[in-house]
Amino acid sequence: MPVKVYDGTNWVTVAGDGAAGAPGTSSAIATWVKTASGGETSVSGTGDSGYGTLSYTVGQELVYLNGVLLDRGDDYTATNGTSITGLTALLANDVITVWTVTAFSVTNALSNSTLTAKGDLITATASSTPAILSVGTNGQVLTADSAAATGVKWAAAGALTYVGGASFSGSSSQSLNNVFSSTYDNYLILTNLDSVSTGANIIYRMRASGTDSTASYYSNIIYNELSAGGTTFGNVSVVNGSGWKVGDLSSGGQPTGWTMTLFNPYRTVTTTFESGSHGYNYNGTNIYQSFTGGYHGVGGTSYDGITIFPASGTFTGSIRVYGYAKS
């Protein structure tokens, strides 16, 4: 007996060969029919013409007597797959029908074992050649790539991916651990400063395995300060300091922020940076702009974190770190 589905226009056979249902064919549902000669309490072997030898899947059989469904365990016993026993003695010309669901396979079906891990995707390397693409890392998106074996790959979502950050209030320092890794070479750091307890420079230090590096910071600050009394230009060089000065804010000054681009903090090469702060109100009257760049003189160290703190007092604000995609 064939199994069919409706495709919207026609009924299409998806399993079974359309024969009379003889067991042993590729049918998903097999039918066996036997006409009794009288007195039988069990049936087995060859059925009526065209129905072959009785074979059923135990627990998946339906037994009918003259079209009436019998109750398994009460009206009959079916335990060995080749005979039906425990019947009330049959009368001559009684018809026993056995239906059973037989194991079958669908051509080119993918088994459950093909997927071996959470997030696995079914893709293809060529026509009729399925393949598995394992899940990417957190924050990545699926994108087309003709050079990839499967034609798709996991990649960073856009040029920047958020990797970590923190908000702080009335703190003397704020550290971020495990924000730098081999996933990215370069990072964007955004700092928003709402207030400080006293006027102070804001300092950054590189951090490895939970410990700050406190020496060999080199930088140069170029600033432009506009006030009611005129304009002041200048620069300040820091040679072998204990951290990079990137910005400052006076107590009572307006909230401000600045950007830092950090190059190669995790790689064991010299870490460099550039930073800018623009147009914030300094000490209530002055407009102060600065551009800073520099490097860390400790070579061969891989840094996984960073610390920010005011040179004195406490501060309130936030810091956010984003990784630049390598490609």
Protein backbone atom coordinates (compact mmCIF):
# COMPACT_ATOMS: atom_id res chain seq x y z
CA MET A 1 0.00 0.00 0.00
CA PRO A 2 1.61 3.29 -1.02
CA VAL A 3 1.81 6.40 1.19
CA LYS A 4 0.89 9.56 -0.67
CA VAL A 5 0.85 13.32 -0.09
CA TYR A 6 -1.05 16.01 -1.98
CA ASP A 7 1.29 18.49 -3.71
CA GLY A 8 -1.46 21.00 -4.46
CA THR A 9 -2.33 19.44 -7.80
CA ASN A 10 -1.91 15.67 -7.56
CA TRP A 11 -1.49 12.89 -5.00
CA VAL A 12 2.18 11.88 -5.13
CA THR A 13 3.56 8.57 -3.79
CA VAL A 14 6.30 9.24 -1.19
CA ALA A 15 6.68 5.64 0.04
CA GLY A 16 5.49 2.22 -1.09
CA ASP A 17 5.41 0.62 -4.51
CA GLY A 18 1.66 0.58 -5.05
CA ALA A 19 1.45 -3.22 -4.90
CA ALA A 20 -1.20 -5.09 -2.97
CA GLY A 21 0.71 -4.41 0.20
CA ALA A 22 2.68 -7.63 0.51
CA PRO A 23 5.18 -7.46 3.35
CA GLY A 24 8.75 -7.25 2.14
CA THR A 25 8.00 -4.58 -0.42
CA SER A 26 8.96 -0.95 0.14
CA SER A 27 5.47 -0.12 1.40
CA ALA A 28 5.20 1.98 4.55
CA ILE A 29 1.86 0.28 5.39
CA ALA A 30 1.61 -3.46 4.62
CA THR A 31 -1.62 -5.47 4.36
CA TRP A 32 -2.06 -9.24 4.79
CA VAL A 33 -5.41 -11.01 4.20
CA LYS A 34 -6.41 -14.58 4.99
CA THR A 35 -9.79 -16.31 4.48
CA ALA A 36 -10.45 -18.94 7.16
CA SER A 37 -11.45 -22.49 6.42
CA GLY A 38 -13.03 -22.77 9.88
CA GLY A 39 -11.86 -23.59 13.41
CA GLU A 40 -8.55 -21.66 13.37
CA THR A 41 -7.48 -19.92 16.59
CA SER A 42 -4.29 -18.58 15.02
CA VAL A 43 -3.17 -17.45 11.58
CA SER A 44 0.26 -17.26 9.95
CA GLY A 45 2.14 -18.10 6.80
CA THR A 46 0.86 -17.43 3.28
CA GLY A 47 -2.25 -15.31 2.94
CA ASP A 48 -4.77 -15.12 0.15
CA SER A 49 -3.51 -14.69 -3.40
CA GLY A 50 -1.29 -11.66 -3.75
CA TYR A 51 -0.72 -11.08 -0.03
CA GLY A 52 2.47 -13.07 0.57
CA THR A 53 3.65 -14.27 3.99
CA LEU A 54 2.44 -12.71 7.21
CA SER A 55 5.03 -10.38 8.73
CA TYR A 56 4.28 -7.47 11.03
CA THR A 57 5.99 -5.05 13.40
CA VAL A 58 5.05 -6.03 16.95
CA GLY A 59 2.99 -3.30 18.59
CA GLN A 60 2.30 -1.61 15.27
CA GLU A 61 -0.26 -4.05 13.87
CA LEU A 62 -4.02 -3.69 13.40
CA VAL A 63 -6.05 -6.92 13.18
CA TYR A 64 -9.56 -6.98 11.69
CA LEU A 65 -12.12 -9.79 11.64
CA ASN A 66 -14.62 -9.35 8.85
CA GLY A 67 -13.85 -5.60 8.88
CA VAL A 68 -14.20 -5.17 12.67
CA LEU A 69 -11.06 -3.99 14.52
CA LEU A 70 -10.03 -6.44 17.24
CA ASP A 71 -8.57 -5.42 20.60
CA ARG A 72 -4.90 -6.32 21.09
CA GLY A 73 -4.40 -8.45 24.19
CA ASP A 74 -8.13 -9.24 24.59
CA ASP A 75 -9.16 -10.54 21.19
CA TYR A 76 -5.75 -11.70 19.94
CA THR A 77 -2.04 -11.98 20.80
CA ALA A 78 0.72 -10.66 18.53
CA THR A 79 4.21 -11.10 19.95
CA ASN A 80 6.50 -12.73 17.34
CA GLY A 81 5.97 -10.75 14.14
CA THR A 82 4.90 -13.82 12.11
CA SER A 83 1.66 -15.13 13.64
CA ILE A 84 -1.54 -13.91 15.27
CA THR A 85 -2.74 -16.19 18.08
CA GLY A 86 -5.42 -16.24 20.81
CA LEU A 87 -8.30 -15.83 18.38
CA THR A 88 -11.80 -17.15 19.07
CA ALA A 89 -12.24 -20.10 16.71
CA LEU A 90 -12.89 -18.72 13.26
CA LEU A 91 -15.82 -19.73 11.10
CA ALA A 92 -15.48 -20.81 7.50
CA ASN A 93 -15.02 -17.81 5.17
CA ASP A 94 -14.21 -15.42 8.04
CA VAL A 95 -11.68 -12.88 6.73
CA ILE A 96 -8.69 -11.88 8.89
CA THR A 97 -6.89 -8.71 7.80
CA VAL A 98 -3.60 -7.55 9.32
CA TRP A 99 -2.29 -4.08 8.73
CA THR A 100 1.16 -3.05 9.92
CA VAL A 101 3.51 -0.09 9.61
CA THR A 102 6.82 -1.28 8.23
CA ALA A 103 10.19 0.45 8.46
CA PHE A 104 11.09 2.44 5.40
CA SER A 105 13.65 5.04 4.42
CA VAL A 106 13.24 8.17 2.36
CA THR A 107 15.83 8.52 -0.39
CA ASN A 108 18.62 11.01 0.45
CA ALA A 109 17.15 11.84 3.86
CA LEU A 110 19.47 13.48 6.43
CA SER A 111 19.58 11.65 9.74
CA ASN A 112 19.47 13.38 13.14
CA SER A 113 23.09 12.30 13.76
CA THR A 114 24.21 14.62 10.97
CA LEU A 115 23.74 17.52 13.38
CA THR A 116 26.26 17.06 16.18
CA ALA A 117 26.25 20.35 18.08
CA LYS A 118 24.04 23.25 19.12
CA GLY A 119 23.75 25.82 16.33
CA ASP A 120 24.83 23.51 13.46
CA LEU A 121 23.47 24.68 10.09
CA ILE A 122 22.83 22.49 7.04
CA THR A 123 24.54 24.03 4.02
CA ALA A 124 26.10 22.63 0.83
CA THR A 125 29.51 22.58 -0.80
CA ALA A 126 28.08 21.76 -4.24
CA SER A 127 24.92 20.49 -5.91
CA SER A 128 23.47 17.55 -3.92
CA THR A 129 26.41 17.77 -1.48
CA PRO A 130 25.18 18.74 1.98
CA ALA A 131 27.60 20.02 4.62
CA ILE A 132 27.45 21.30 8.19
CA LEU A 133 28.49 24.83 9.17
CA SER A 134 29.19 25.06 12.90
CA VAL A 135 27.86 27.98 14.91
CA GLY A 136 29.96 31.16 15.04
CA THR A 137 30.98 33.15 18.09
CA ASN A 138 28.71 35.49 20.07
CA GLY A 139 27.70 38.57 18.11
CA GLN A 140 28.65 37.19 14.68
CA VAL A 141 26.21 37.09 11.75
CA LEU A 142 25.90 34.74 8.79
CA THR A 143 27.16 36.30 5.56
CA ALA A 144 27.72 35.18 1.98
CA ASP A 145 31.30 34.41 0.94
CA SER A 146 31.99 32.75 -2.40
CA ALA A 147 35.51 31.81 -1.23
CA ALA A 148 34.17 29.73 1.67
CA ALA A 149 33.62 26.00 1.05
CA THR A 150 29.92 26.28 1.87
CA GLY A 151 29.43 29.70 0.27
CA VAL A 152 28.61 31.29 3.64
CA LYS A 153 30.55 32.09 6.79
CA TRP A 154 30.20 33.62 10.24
CA ALA A 155 31.58 37.15 10.47
CA ALA A 156 31.46 40.18 12.74
CA ALA A 157 28.25 42.19 12.50
CA GLY A 158 29.50 45.28 10.67
CA ALA A 159 32.86 46.91 11.30
CA LEU A 160 32.41 47.21 15.08
CA THR A 161 31.31 44.67 17.67
CA TYR A 162 30.61 45.52 21.30
CA VAL A 163 32.86 43.43 23.56
CA GLY A 164 32.42 44.92 27.03
CA GLY A 165 32.00 47.96 29.22
CA ALA A 166 30.86 49.32 32.55
CA SER A 167 29.14 52.25 34.22
CA PHE A 168 30.63 53.77 37.38
CA SER A 169 29.47 56.25 39.99
CA GLY A 170 31.60 57.90 42.66
CA SER A 171 34.45 55.51 41.85
CA SER A 172 38.17 56.02 42.20
CA SER A 173 38.85 53.70 39.24
CA GLN A 174 37.15 51.36 36.80
CA SER A 175 38.80 48.26 35.34
CA LEU A 176 37.66 46.08 32.44
CA ASN A 177 39.05 42.55 32.20
CA ASN A 178 38.96 40.14 29.23
CA VAL A 179 37.80 42.73 26.69
CA PHE A 180 40.82 42.30 24.39
CA SER A 181 41.46 39.00 22.62
CA SER A 182 42.83 37.49 19.43
CA THR A 183 39.43 38.04 17.78
CA TYR A 184 40.36 41.67 17.04
CA ASP A 185 43.62 43.57 16.59
CA ASN A 186 42.25 47.07 17.13
CA TYR A 187 39.57 48.56 19.38
CA LEU A 188 37.41 51.65 19.78
CA ILE A 189 36.90 52.87 23.35
CA LEU A 190 34.15 55.40 24.09
CA THR A 191 34.19 57.18 27.46
CA ASN A 192 31.38 59.34 28.82
CA LEU A 193 32.26 61.39 31.90
CA ASP A 194 29.40 62.96 33.82
CA SER A 195 31.26 64.44 36.79
CA VAL A 196 34.37 64.37 38.97
CA SER A 197 34.69 65.13 42.67
CA THR A 198 37.70 67.37 42.03
CA GLY A 199 39.28 68.76 38.89
CA ALA A 200 41.50 65.97 37.61
CA ASN A 201 43.19 64.41 34.61
CA ILE A 202 41.70 61.11 33.43
CA ILE A 203 44.30 58.34 33.11
CA TYR A 204 44.28 55.05 31.20
CA ARG A 205 46.47 52.02 31.91
CA MET A 206 46.87 48.69 30.12
CA ARG A 207 45.96 45.60 32.11
CA ALA A 208 47.02 41.94 31.89
CA SER A 209 45.47 39.06 33.86
CA GLY A 210 43.88 41.46 36.33
CA THR A 211 46.99 43.59 36.99
CA ASP A 212 47.71 47.14 35.74
CA SER A 213 50.97 47.96 33.99
CA THR A 214 52.18 51.14 35.73
CA ALA A 215 55.21 52.33 33.73
CA SER A 216 56.57 53.20 30.28
CA TYR A 217 53.64 55.24 28.93
CA TYR A 218 54.63 57.80 26.29
CA SER A 219 52.21 60.35 24.83
CA ASN A 220 51.83 63.84 23.43
CA ILE A 221 48.77 66.06 23.96
CA ILE A 222 47.95 68.91 21.59
CA TYR A 223 45.21 71.18 22.93
CA ASN A 224 43.23 74.25 21.99
CA GLU A 225 41.51 76.19 24.78
CA LEU A 226 39.02 78.93 23.94
CA SER A 227 37.93 81.37 26.65
CA ALA A 228 36.52 84.86 27.01
CA GLY A 229 40.04 86.20 27.31
CA GLY A 230 41.43 84.64 24.15
CA THR A 231 42.75 81.42 22.70
CA THR A 232 45.50 79.19 24.06
CA PHE A 233 47.30 76.55 22.02
CA GLY A 234 49.80 74.15 23.45
CA ASN A 235 51.11 70.65 23.81
CA VAL A 236 52.19 68.47 26.69
CA SER A 237 54.57 65.54 26.28
CA VAL A 238 54.63 62.65 28.73
CA VAL A 239 57.77 60.53 28.81
CA ASN A 240 57.72 57.28 30.74
CA GLY A 241 54.63 58.11 32.75
CA SER A 242 52.47 55.78 34.85
CA GLY A 243 49.57 56.00 32.38
CA TRP A 244 48.16 57.89 29.43
CA LYS A 245 46.38 61.18 30.13
CA VAL A 246 43.48 61.29 27.67
CA GLY A 247 41.09 63.94 29.03
CA ASP A 248 40.14 66.00 32.05
CA LEU A 249 37.19 67.70 33.66
CA SER A 250 36.86 70.29 36.39
CA SER A 251 34.48 69.84 39.28
CA GLY A 252 31.25 71.53 38.23
CA GLY A 253 32.12 71.31 34.53
CA GLN A 254 29.65 70.04 31.94
CA PRO A 255 29.50 66.30 31.06
CA THR A 256 31.91 65.35 28.30
CA GLY A 257 33.27 62.39 26.40
CA TRP A 258 36.09 61.26 24.16
CA THR A 259 37.16 58.49 21.85
CA MET A 260 40.26 56.32 21.93
CA THR A 261 41.45 54.02 19.15
CA LEU A 262 43.68 51.33 20.64
CA PHE A 263 46.02 49.39 18.36
CA ASN A 264 47.25 45.84 19.08
CA PRO A 265 46.62 45.58 22.83
CA TYR A 266 46.39 41.77 22.77
CA ARG A 267 49.18 41.12 20.29
CA THR A 268 52.71 40.87 21.68
CA VAL A 269 53.84 44.01 19.87
CA THR A 270 53.95 47.65 20.95
CA THR A 271 50.50 48.95 21.89
CA THR A 272 49.70 52.42 20.51
CA PHE A 273 46.70 54.73 20.70
CA GLU A 274 45.17 57.95 19.49
CA SER A 275 42.40 59.90 21.20
CA GLY A 276 40.33 63.03 20.75
CA SER A 277 38.00 65.15 22.86
CA HIS A 278 36.06 68.01 21.32
CA GLY A 279 34.03 71.01 22.34
CA TYR A 280 33.19 70.33 25.97
CA ASN A 281 32.69 73.07 28.54
CA TYR A 282 35.74 73.24 30.76
CA ASN A 283 35.34 74.83 34.20
CA GLY A 284 32.06 76.44 33.15
CA THR A 285 33.64 79.03 30.82
CA ASN A 286 36.27 77.50 28.52
CA ILE A 287 35.88 75.36 25.43
CA TYR A 288 38.65 72.80 25.42
CA GLN A 289 39.70 70.51 22.58
CA SER A 290 42.54 68.01 22.68
CA PHE A 291 44.19 65.37 20.51
CA THR A 292 46.42 62.76 22.08
CA GLY A 293 48.58 59.93 20.77
CA GLY A 294 51.25 57.66 22.12
CA TYR A 295 52.48 54.18 22.87
CA HIS A 296 53.27 51.79 25.69
CA GLY A 297 56.97 51.09 26.00
CA VAL A 298 56.59 47.57 27.42
CA GLY A 299 56.97 45.32 24.39
CA GLY A 300 56.12 41.63 24.06
CA THR A 301 53.16 41.74 26.47
CA SER A 302 49.62 40.67 25.66
CA TYR A 303 47.02 42.86 27.40
CA ASP A 304 43.44 41.69 27.90
CA GLY A 305 42.05 44.66 29.84
CA ILE A 306 42.25 48.35 30.64
CA THR A 307 41.80 50.62 33.68
CA ILE A 308 40.54 54.21 33.74
CA PHE A 309 40.77 56.50 36.78
CA PRO A 310 40.98 60.17 37.79
CA ALA A 311 44.37 61.43 38.98
CA SER A 312 42.60 62.40 42.23
CA GLY A 313 39.14 62.08 43.74
CA THR A 314 36.30 60.09 42.20
CA PHE A 315 34.36 60.16 38.94
CA THR A 316 31.00 59.13 37.46
CA GLY A 317 30.35 57.97 33.91
CA SER A 318 30.74 54.95 31.61
CA ILE A 319 33.21 53.21 29.33
CA ARG A 320 32.40 50.99 26.34
CA VAL A 321 34.78 48.86 24.23
CA TYR A 322 34.20 47.77 20.61
CA GLY A 323 36.34 45.51 18.43
CA TYR A 324 37.16 46.36 14.81
CA ALA A 325 36.52 43.49 12.40
CA LYS A 326 39.70 42.15 10.80
CA SER A 327 37.96 41.74 7.45
